[in-house]
All heavy atoms as atom14 arrays in JSON, in Angstrom:
{
  "sequence": "KILFGLKLKDTQTGIKLFKTDSIQPILKLMKTGRF",
  "atom14_mask": [
    [1, 1, 1, 1, 1, 1, 1, 1, 1, 0, 0, 0, 0, 0],
    [1, 1, 1, 1, 1, 1, 1, 1, 0, 0, 0, 0, 0, 0],
    [1, 1, 1, 1, 1, 1, 1, 1, 0, 0, 0, 0, 0, 0],
    [1, 1, 1, 1, 1, 1, 1, 1, 1, 1, 1, 0, 0, 0],
    [1, 1, 1, 1, 0, 0, 0, 0, 0, 0, 0, 0, 0, 0],
    [1, 1, 1, 1, 1, 1, 1, 1, 0, 0, 0, 0, 0, 0],
    [1, 1, 1, 1, 1, 1, 1, 1, 1, 0, 0, 0, 0, 0],
    [1, 1, 1, 1, 1, 1, 1, 1, 0, 0, 0, 0, 0, 0],
    [1, 1, 1, 1, 1, 1, 1, 1, 1, 0, 0, 0, 0, 0],
    [1, 1, 1, 1, 1, 1, 1, 1, 0, 0, 0, 0, 0, 0],
    [1, 1, 1, 1, 1, 1, 1, 0, 0, 0, 0, 0, 0, 0],
    [1, 1, 1, 1, 1, 1, 1, 1, 1, 0, 0, 0, 0, 0],
    [1, 1, 1, 1, 1, 1, 1, 0, 0, 0, 0, 0, 0, 0],
    [1, 1, 1, 1, 0, 0, 0, 0, 0, 0, 0, 0, 0, 0],
    [1, 1, 1, 1, 1, 1, 1, 1, 0, 0, 0, 0, 0, 0],
    [1, 1, 1, 1, 1, 1, 1, 1, 1, 0, 0, 0, 0, 0],
    [1, 1, 1, 1, 1, 1, 1, 1, 0, 0, 0, 0, 0, 0],
    [1, 1, 1, 1, 1, 1, 1, 1, 1, 1, 1, 0, 0, 0],
    [1, 1, 1, 1, 1, 1, 1, 1, 1, 0, 0, 0, 0, 0],
    [1, 1, 1, 1, 1, 1, 1, 0, 0, 0, 0, 0, 0, 0],
    [1, 1, 1, 1, 1, 1, 1, 1, 0, 0, 0, 0, 0, 0],
    [1, 1, 1, 1, 1, 1, 0, 0, 0, 0, 0, 0, 0, 0],
    [1, 1, 1, 1, 1, 1, 1, 1, 0, 0, 0, 0, 0, 0],
    [1, 1, 1, 1, 1, 1, 1, 1, 1, 0, 0, 0, 0, 0],
    [1, 1, 1, 1, 1, 1, 1, 0, 0, 0, 0, 0, 0, 0],
    [1, 1, 1, 1, 1, 1, 1, 1, 0, 0, 0, 0, 0, 0],
    [1, 1, 1, 1, 1, 1, 1, 1, 0, 0, 0, 0, 0, 0],
    [1, 1, 1, 1, 1, 1, 1, 1, 1, 0, 0, 0, 0, 0],
    [1, 1, 1, 1, 1, 1, 1, 1, 0, 0, 0, 0, 0, 0],
    [1, 1, 1, 1, 1, 1, 1, 1, 0, 0, 0, 0, 0, 0],
    [1, 1, 1, 1, 1, 1, 1, 1, 1, 0, 0, 0, 0, 0],
    [1, 1, 1, 1, 1, 1, 1, 0, 0, 0, 0, 0, 0, 0],
    [1, 1, 1, 1, 0, 0, 0, 0, 0, 0, 0, 0, 0, 0],
    [1, 1, 1, 1, 1, 1, 1, 1, 1, 1, 1, 0, 0, 0],
    [1, 1, 1, 1, 1, 1, 1, 1, 1, 1, 1, 0, 0, 0]
  ],
  "atom14_positions": [
    [[-153.23, 26.3, -112.15], [-154.46, 26.39, -111.36], [-154.14, 26.48, -109.87], [-154.73, 27.28, -109.14], [-155.34, 25.17, -111.64], [-156.71, 25.23, -110.97], [-157.56, 24.04, -111.37], [-158.92, 24.07, -110.69], [-159.73, 25.22, -111.14], [0.0, 0.0, 0.0], [0.0, 0.0, 0.0], [0.0, 0.0, 0.0], [0.0, 0.0, 0.0], [0.0, 0.0, 0.0]],
    [[-153.2, 25.66, -109.45], [-152.79, 25.68, -108.04], [-152.07, 26.99, -107.7], [-152.3, 27.6, -106.65], [-151.88, 24.48, -107.73], [-152.69, 23.18, -107.85], [-151.27, 24.59, -106.35], [-151.86, 21.91, -107.84], [0.0, 0.0, 0.0], [0.0, 0.0, 0.0], [0.0, 0.0, 0.0], [0.0, 0.0, 0.0], [0.0, 0.0, 0.0], [0.0, 0.0, 0.0]],
    [[-151.19, 27.43, -108.59], [-150.37, 28.61, -108.32], [-151.16, 29.9, -108.38], [-151.01, 30.78, -107.52], [-149.2, 28.66, -109.31], [-148.09, 29.68, -109.04], [-147.41, 29.38, -107.71], [-147.08, 29.67, -110.18], [0.0, 0.0, 0.0], [0.0, 0.0, 0.0], [0.0, 0.0, 0.0], [0.0, 0.0, 0.0], [0.0, 0.0, 0.0], [0.0, 0.0, 0.0]],
    [[-152.01, 30.05, -109.4], [-152.7, 31.33, -109.62], [-154.2, 31.3, -109.3], [-154.81, 32.35, -109.15], [-152.55, 31.77, -111.09], [-151.15, 32.18, -111.45], [-150.26, 31.27, -112.01], [-150.7, 33.49, -111.25], [-148.97, 31.63, -112.35], [-149.42, 33.86, -111.59], [-148.55, 32.94, -112.14], [0.0, 0.0, 0.0], [0.0, 0.0, 0.0], [0.0, 0.0, 0.0]],
    [[-154.78, 30.1, -109.24], [-156.21, 30.03, -108.98], [-157.08, 30.47, -110.15], [-158.26, 30.77, -109.97], [0.0, 0.0, 0.0], [0.0, 0.0, 0.0], [0.0, 0.0, 0.0], [0.0, 0.0, 0.0], [0.0, 0.0, 0.0], [0.0, 0.0, 0.0], [0.0, 0.0, 0.0], [0.0, 0.0, 0.0], [0.0, 0.0, 0.0], [0.0, 0.0, 0.0]],
    [[-156.5, 30.51, -111.35], [-157.28, 30.92, -112.52], [-158.29, 29.83, -112.89], [-158.02, 28.65, -112.75], [-156.36, 31.18, -113.71], [-155.41, 32.37, -113.61], [-154.5, 32.43, -114.83], [-156.17, 33.67, -113.45], [0.0, 0.0, 0.0], [0.0, 0.0, 0.0], [0.0, 0.0, 0.0], [0.0, 0.0, 0.0], [0.0, 0.0, 0.0], [0.0, 0.0, 0.0]],
    [[-159.44, 30.26, -113.38], [-160.47, 29.32, -113.79], [-160.3, 28.87, -115.24], [-161.09, 28.09, -115.76], [-161.84, 29.95, -113.6], [-162.16, 30.27, -112.13], [-163.52, 30.9, -111.98], [-163.81, 31.21, -110.53], [-165.14, 31.85, -110.34], [0.0, 0.0, 0.0], [0.0, 0.0, 0.0], [0.0, 0.0, 0.0], [0.0, 0.0, 0.0], [0.0, 0.0, 0.0]],
    [[-159.26, 29.37, -115.9], [-159.0, 29.03, -117.29], [-158.34, 27.67, -117.4], [-157.46, 27.33, -116.6], [-158.12, 30.09, -117.93], [-158.62, 31.53, -117.81], [-157.55, 32.5, -118.31], [-159.91, 31.72, -118.59], [0.0, 0.0, 0.0], [0.0, 0.0, 0.0], [0.0, 0.0, 0.0], [0.0, 0.0, 0.0], [0.0, 0.0, 0.0], [0.0, 0.0, 0.0]],
    [[-158.72, 26.89, -118.41], [-158.15, 25.57, -118.59], [-156.9, 25.57, -119.46], [-156.1, 24.64, -119.4], [-159.2, 24.64, -119.19], [-160.33, 24.31, -118.23], [-161.27, 23.27, -118.82], [-162.36, 22.89, -117.82], [-163.27, 21.86, -118.39], [0.0, 0.0, 0.0], [0.0, 0.0, 0.0], [0.0, 0.0, 0.0], [0.0, 0.0, 0.0], [0.0, 0.0, 0.0]],
    [[-156.74, 26.57, -120.3], [-155.59, 26.6, -121.22], [-155.16, 28.04, -121.43], [-155.88, 28.83, -122.03], [-155.97, 25.96, -122.55], [-154.82, 25.87, -123.53], [-153.7, 26.31, -123.18], [-155.02, 25.38, -124.65], [0.0, 0.0, 0.0], [0.0, 0.0, 0.0], [0.0, 0.0, 0.0], [0.0, 0.0, 0.0], [0.0, 0.0, 0.0], [0.0, 0.0, 0.0]],
    [[-153.98, 28.38, -120.95], [-153.48, 29.76, -121.09], [-152.49, 29.91, -122.23], [-152.14, 31.03, -122.59], [-152.78, 30.2, -119.78], [-151.66, 29.35, -119.53], [-153.73, 30.16, -118.6], [0.0, 0.0, 0.0], [0.0, 0.0, 0.0], [0.0, 0.0, 0.0], [0.0, 0.0, 0.0], [0.0, 0.0, 0.0], [0.0, 0.0, 0.0], [0.0, 0.0, 0.0]],
    [[-152.01, 28.81, -122.82], [-150.85, 28.86, -123.69], [-151.13, 28.77, -125.18], [-150.23, 28.93, -125.99], [-149.87, 27.75, -123.32], [-149.41, 27.77, -121.86], [-148.84, 29.11, -121.45], [-149.37, 29.77, -120.57], [-147.78, 29.53, -122.09], [0.0, 0.0, 0.0], [0.0, 0.0, 0.0], [0.0, 0.0, 0.0], [0.0, 0.0, 0.0], [0.0, 0.0, 0.0]],
    [[-152.37, 28.46, -125.58], [-152.65, 28.3, -127.01], [-152.41, 29.61, -127.76], [-152.82, 30.68, -127.3], [-154.09, 27.81, -127.21], [-154.22, 26.52, -126.61], [-154.45, 27.72, -128.67], [0.0, 0.0, 0.0], [0.0, 0.0, 0.0], [0.0, 0.0, 0.0], [0.0, 0.0, 0.0], [0.0, 0.0, 0.0], [0.0, 0.0, 0.0], [0.0, 0.0, 0.0]],
    [[-151.77, 29.5, -128.93], [-151.25, 30.69, -129.62], [-152.23, 31.44, -130.48], [-151.89, 31.86, -131.61], [0.0, 0.0, 0.0], [0.0, 0.0, 0.0], [0.0, 0.0, 0.0], [0.0, 0.0, 0.0], [0.0, 0.0, 0.0], [0.0, 0.0, 0.0], [0.0, 0.0, 0.0], [0.0, 0.0, 0.0], [0.0, 0.0, 0.0], [0.0, 0.0, 0.0]],
    [[-153.45, 31.63, -129.99], [-154.41, 32.51, -130.66], [-155.26, 33.16, -129.58], [-155.94, 32.47, -128.8], [-155.26, 31.74, -131.7], [-156.22, 32.7, -132.42], [-155.98, 30.56, -131.08], [-156.92, 32.09, -133.63], [0.0, 0.0, 0.0], [0.0, 0.0, 0.0], [0.0, 0.0, 0.0], [0.0, 0.0, 0.0], [0.0, 0.0, 0.0], [0.0, 0.0, 0.0]],
    [[-155.21, 34.48, -129.52], [-155.95, 35.23, -128.52], [-156.39, 36.56, -129.13], [-155.7, 37.13, -129.98], [-155.09, 35.49, -127.28], [-154.72, 34.24, -126.49], [-153.85, 34.57, -125.29], [-153.63, 33.35, -124.41], [-152.84, 32.3, -125.05], [0.0, 0.0, 0.0], [0.0, 0.0, 0.0], [0.0, 0.0, 0.0], [0.0, 0.0, 0.0], [0.0, 0.0, 0.0]],
    [[-157.54, 37.06, -128.67], [-158.08, 38.33, -129.17], [-158.46, 39.21, -127.98], [-158.98, 38.71, -126.97], [-159.29, 38.06, -130.08], [-159.95, 39.29, -130.71], [-160.35, 39.01, -132.16], [-161.19, 39.72, -129.92], [0.0, 0.0, 0.0], [0.0, 0.0, 0.0], [0.0, 0.0, 0.0], [0.0, 0.0, 0.0], [0.0, 0.0, 0.0], [0.0, 0.0, 0.0]],
    [[-158.23, 40.51, -128.13], [-158.43, 41.45, -127.04], [-159.1, 42.74, -127.52], [-158.91, 43.14, -128.67], [-157.08, 41.86, -126.42], [-156.16, 40.73, -126.13], [-155.35, 40.2, -127.13], [-156.07, 40.19, -124.87], [-154.47, 39.15, -126.88], [-155.19, 39.14, -124.59], [-154.4, 38.62, -125.61], [0.0, 0.0, 0.0], [0.0, 0.0, 0.0], [0.0, 0.0, 0.0]],
    [[-159.84, 43.37, -126.64], [-160.21, 44.75, -126.87], [-158.94, 45.57, -126.64], [-158.3, 45.48, -125.6], [-161.3, 45.19, -125.9], [-162.66, 44.57, -126.19], [-163.75, 45.1, -125.26], [-165.1, 44.47, -125.61], [-166.17, 44.92, -124.67], [0.0, 0.0, 0.0], [0.0, 0.0, 0.0], [0.0, 0.0, 0.0], [0.0, 0.0, 0.0], [0.0, 0.0, 0.0]],
    [[-158.57, 46.35, -127.62], [-157.28, 47.04, -127.58], [-157.17, 47.96, -126.37], [-156.13, 47.99, -125.7], [-157.05, 47.83, -128.88], [-157.19, 46.95, -130.0], [-155.67, 48.45, -128.91], [0.0, 0.0, 0.0], [0.0, 0.0, 0.0], [0.0, 0.0, 0.0], [0.0, 0.0, 0.0], [0.0, 0.0, 0.0], [0.0, 0.0, 0.0], [0.0, 0.0, 0.0]],
    [[-158.23, 48.67, -126.07], [-158.2, 49.58, -124.92], [-158.05, 48.85, -123.6], [-157.57, 49.43, -122.62], [-159.49, 50.43, -124.88], [-159.53, 51.46, -126.0], [-158.48, 51.72, -126.63], [-160.62, 52.01, -126.26], [0.0, 0.0, 0.0], [0.0, 0.0, 0.0], [0.0, 0.0, 0.0], [0.0, 0.0, 0.0], [0.0, 0.0, 0.0], [0.0, 0.0, 0.0]],
    [[-158.44, 47.59, -123.56], [-158.33, 46.8, -122.33], [-156.94, 46.21, -122.15], [-156.42, 46.15, -121.03], [-159.37, 45.67, -122.31], [-160.68, 46.18, -122.3], [0.0, 0.0, 0.0], [0.0, 0.0, 0.0], [0.0, 0.0, 0.0], [0.0, 0.0, 0.0], [0.0, 0.0, 0.0], [0.0, 0.0, 0.0], [0.0, 0.0, 0.0], [0.0, 0.0, 0.0]],
    [[-156.32, 45.76, -123.26], [-155.08, 45.03, -123.15], [-153.83, 45.93, -123.12], [-152.83, 45.6, -122.47], [-154.93, 43.98, -124.28], [-153.8, 43.01, -123.97], [-154.73, 44.65, -125.62], [-153.96, 42.22, -122.69], [0.0, 0.0, 0.0], [0.0, 0.0, 0.0], [0.0, 0.0, 0.0], [0.0, 0.0, 0.0], [0.0, 0.0, 0.0], [0.0, 0.0, 0.0]],
    [[-153.86, 47.07, -123.78], [-152.63, 47.86, -123.85], [-152.13, 48.35, -122.49], [-150.91, 48.34, -122.25], [-152.8, 49.02, -124.84], [-152.79, 48.52, -126.29], [-152.75, 49.61, -127.33], [-153.09, 50.75, -127.06], [-152.34, 49.26, -128.54], [0.0, 0.0, 0.0], [0.0, 0.0, 0.0], [0.0, 0.0, 0.0], [0.0, 0.0, 0.0], [0.0, 0.0, 0.0]],
    [[-153.0, 48.74, -121.54], [-152.49, 49.08, -120.2], [-151.83, 47.88, -119.51], [-150.86, 48.04, -118.76], [-153.74, 49.54, -119.45], [-154.69, 49.97, -120.5], [-154.44, 49.05, -121.66], [0.0, 0.0, 0.0], [0.0, 0.0, 0.0], [0.0, 0.0, 0.0], [0.0, 0.0, 0.0], [0.0, 0.0, 0.0], [0.0, 0.0, 0.0], [0.0, 0.0, 0.0]],
    [[-152.34, 46.67, -119.76], [-151.76, 45.46, -119.18], [-150.38, 45.2, -119.78], [-149.43, 44.86, -119.07], [-152.69, 44.26, -119.42], [-153.96, 44.43, -118.6], [-152.0, 42.94, -119.06], [-155.01, 43.38, -118.86], [0.0, 0.0, 0.0], [0.0, 0.0, 0.0], [0.0, 0.0, 0.0], [0.0, 0.0, 0.0], [0.0, 0.0, 0.0], [0.0, 0.0, 0.0]],
    [[-150.25, 45.39, -121.08], [-148.96, 45.17, -121.75], [-147.87, 46.04, -121.15], [-146.71, 45.61, -121.02], [-149.09, 45.46, -123.25], [-150.01, 44.52, -124.05], [-150.24, 45.09, -125.44], [-149.42, 43.13, -124.13], [0.0, 0.0, 0.0], [0.0, 0.0, 0.0], [0.0, 0.0, 0.0], [0.0, 0.0, 0.0], [0.0, 0.0, 0.0], [0.0, 0.0, 0.0]],
    [[-148.22, 47.24, -120.77], [-147.23, 48.16, -120.2], [-146.76, 47.74, -118.81], [-145.71, 48.18, -118.34], [-147.81, 49.57, -120.17], [-148.04, 50.14, -121.58], [-148.75, 51.48, -121.54], [-149.01, 51.99, -122.95], [-149.78, 53.27, -122.96], [0.0, 0.0, 0.0], [0.0, 0.0, 0.0], [0.0, 0.0, 0.0], [0.0, 0.0, 0.0], [0.0, 0.0, 0.0]],
    [[-147.55, 46.86, -118.15], [-147.17, 46.37, -116.83], [-146.35, 45.09, -116.9], [-145.71, 44.71, -115.93], [-148.42, 46.09, -115.99], [-149.28, 47.29, -115.58], [-150.59, 46.81, -114.95], [-148.51, 48.18, -114.62], [0.0, 0.0, 0.0], [0.0, 0.0, 0.0], [0.0, 0.0, 0.0], [0.0, 0.0, 0.0], [0.0, 0.0, 0.0], [0.0, 0.0, 0.0]],
    [[-146.36, 44.45, -118.06], [-145.74, 43.13, -118.17], [-144.21, 43.19, -118.23], [-143.64, 44.11, -118.8], [-146.28, 42.42, -119.42], [-147.74, 42.01, -119.28], [-148.4, 41.3, -120.83], [-147.26, 39.93, -121.07], [0.0, 0.0, 0.0], [0.0, 0.0, 0.0], [0.0, 0.0, 0.0], [0.0, 0.0, 0.0], [0.0, 0.0, 0.0], [0.0, 0.0, 0.0]],
    [[-143.59, 42.16, -117.65], [-142.14, 42.08, -117.62], [-141.59, 40.85, -118.34], [-140.43, 40.82, -118.71], [-141.65, 42.06, -116.16], [-141.91, 43.37, -115.41], [-141.28, 43.32, -114.03], [-141.42, 44.65, -113.32], [-140.77, 44.63, -111.98], [0.0, 0.0, 0.0], [0.0, 0.0, 0.0], [0.0, 0.0, 0.0], [0.0, 0.0, 0.0], [0.0, 0.0, 0.0]],
    [[-142.41, 39.83, -118.5], [-141.95, 38.57, -119.09], [-141.86, 38.69, -120.61], [-142.81, 39.12, -121.25], [-142.89, 37.42, -118.72], [-142.99, 37.34, -117.3], [-142.38, 36.1, -119.26], [0.0, 0.0, 0.0], [0.0, 0.0, 0.0], [0.0, 0.0, 0.0], [0.0, 0.0, 0.0], [0.0, 0.0, 0.0], [0.0, 0.0, 0.0], [0.0, 0.0, 0.0]],
    [[-140.72, 38.27, -121.18], [-140.53, 38.42, -122.61], [-140.53, 37.13, -123.4], [-140.49, 37.18, -124.62], [0.0, 0.0, 0.0], [0.0, 0.0, 0.0], [0.0, 0.0, 0.0], [0.0, 0.0, 0.0], [0.0, 0.0, 0.0], [0.0, 0.0, 0.0], [0.0, 0.0, 0.0], [0.0, 0.0, 0.0], [0.0, 0.0, 0.0], [0.0, 0.0, 0.0]],
    [[-140.62, 36.0, -122.71], [-140.49, 34.76, -123.47], [-141.73, 33.89, -123.33], [-142.84, 34.35, -123.49], [-139.21, 34.04, -123.04], [-137.94, 34.92, -123.25], [-136.66, 34.14, -123.18], [-136.44, 33.32, -124.37], [-135.91, 33.77, -125.5], [-135.56, 35.04, -125.63], [-135.74, 32.96, -126.53], [0.0, 0.0, 0.0], [0.0, 0.0, 0.0], [0.0, 0.0, 0.0]],
    [[-141.58, 32.63, -123.02], [-142.67, 31.67, -123.14], [-143.83, 31.91, -122.17], [-144.96, 31.52, -122.47], [-142.15, 30.24, -122.91], [-141.16, 29.79, -123.93], [-139.81, 29.72, -123.64], [-141.57, 29.43, -125.21], [-138.89, 29.3, -124.57], [-140.65, 29.02, -126.17], [-139.32, 28.95, -125.84], [0.0, 0.0, 0.0], [0.0, 0.0, 0.0], [0.0, 0.0, 0.0]]
  ]
}
């Protein structure tokens, strides 16, 4: 919260759902491969 200013309370829980057209462009920008 301090570092990114996100309003989300939990970013790490292992279940997430996305609109495919929205998330795939983001995936192509990502560099982190682990946790």
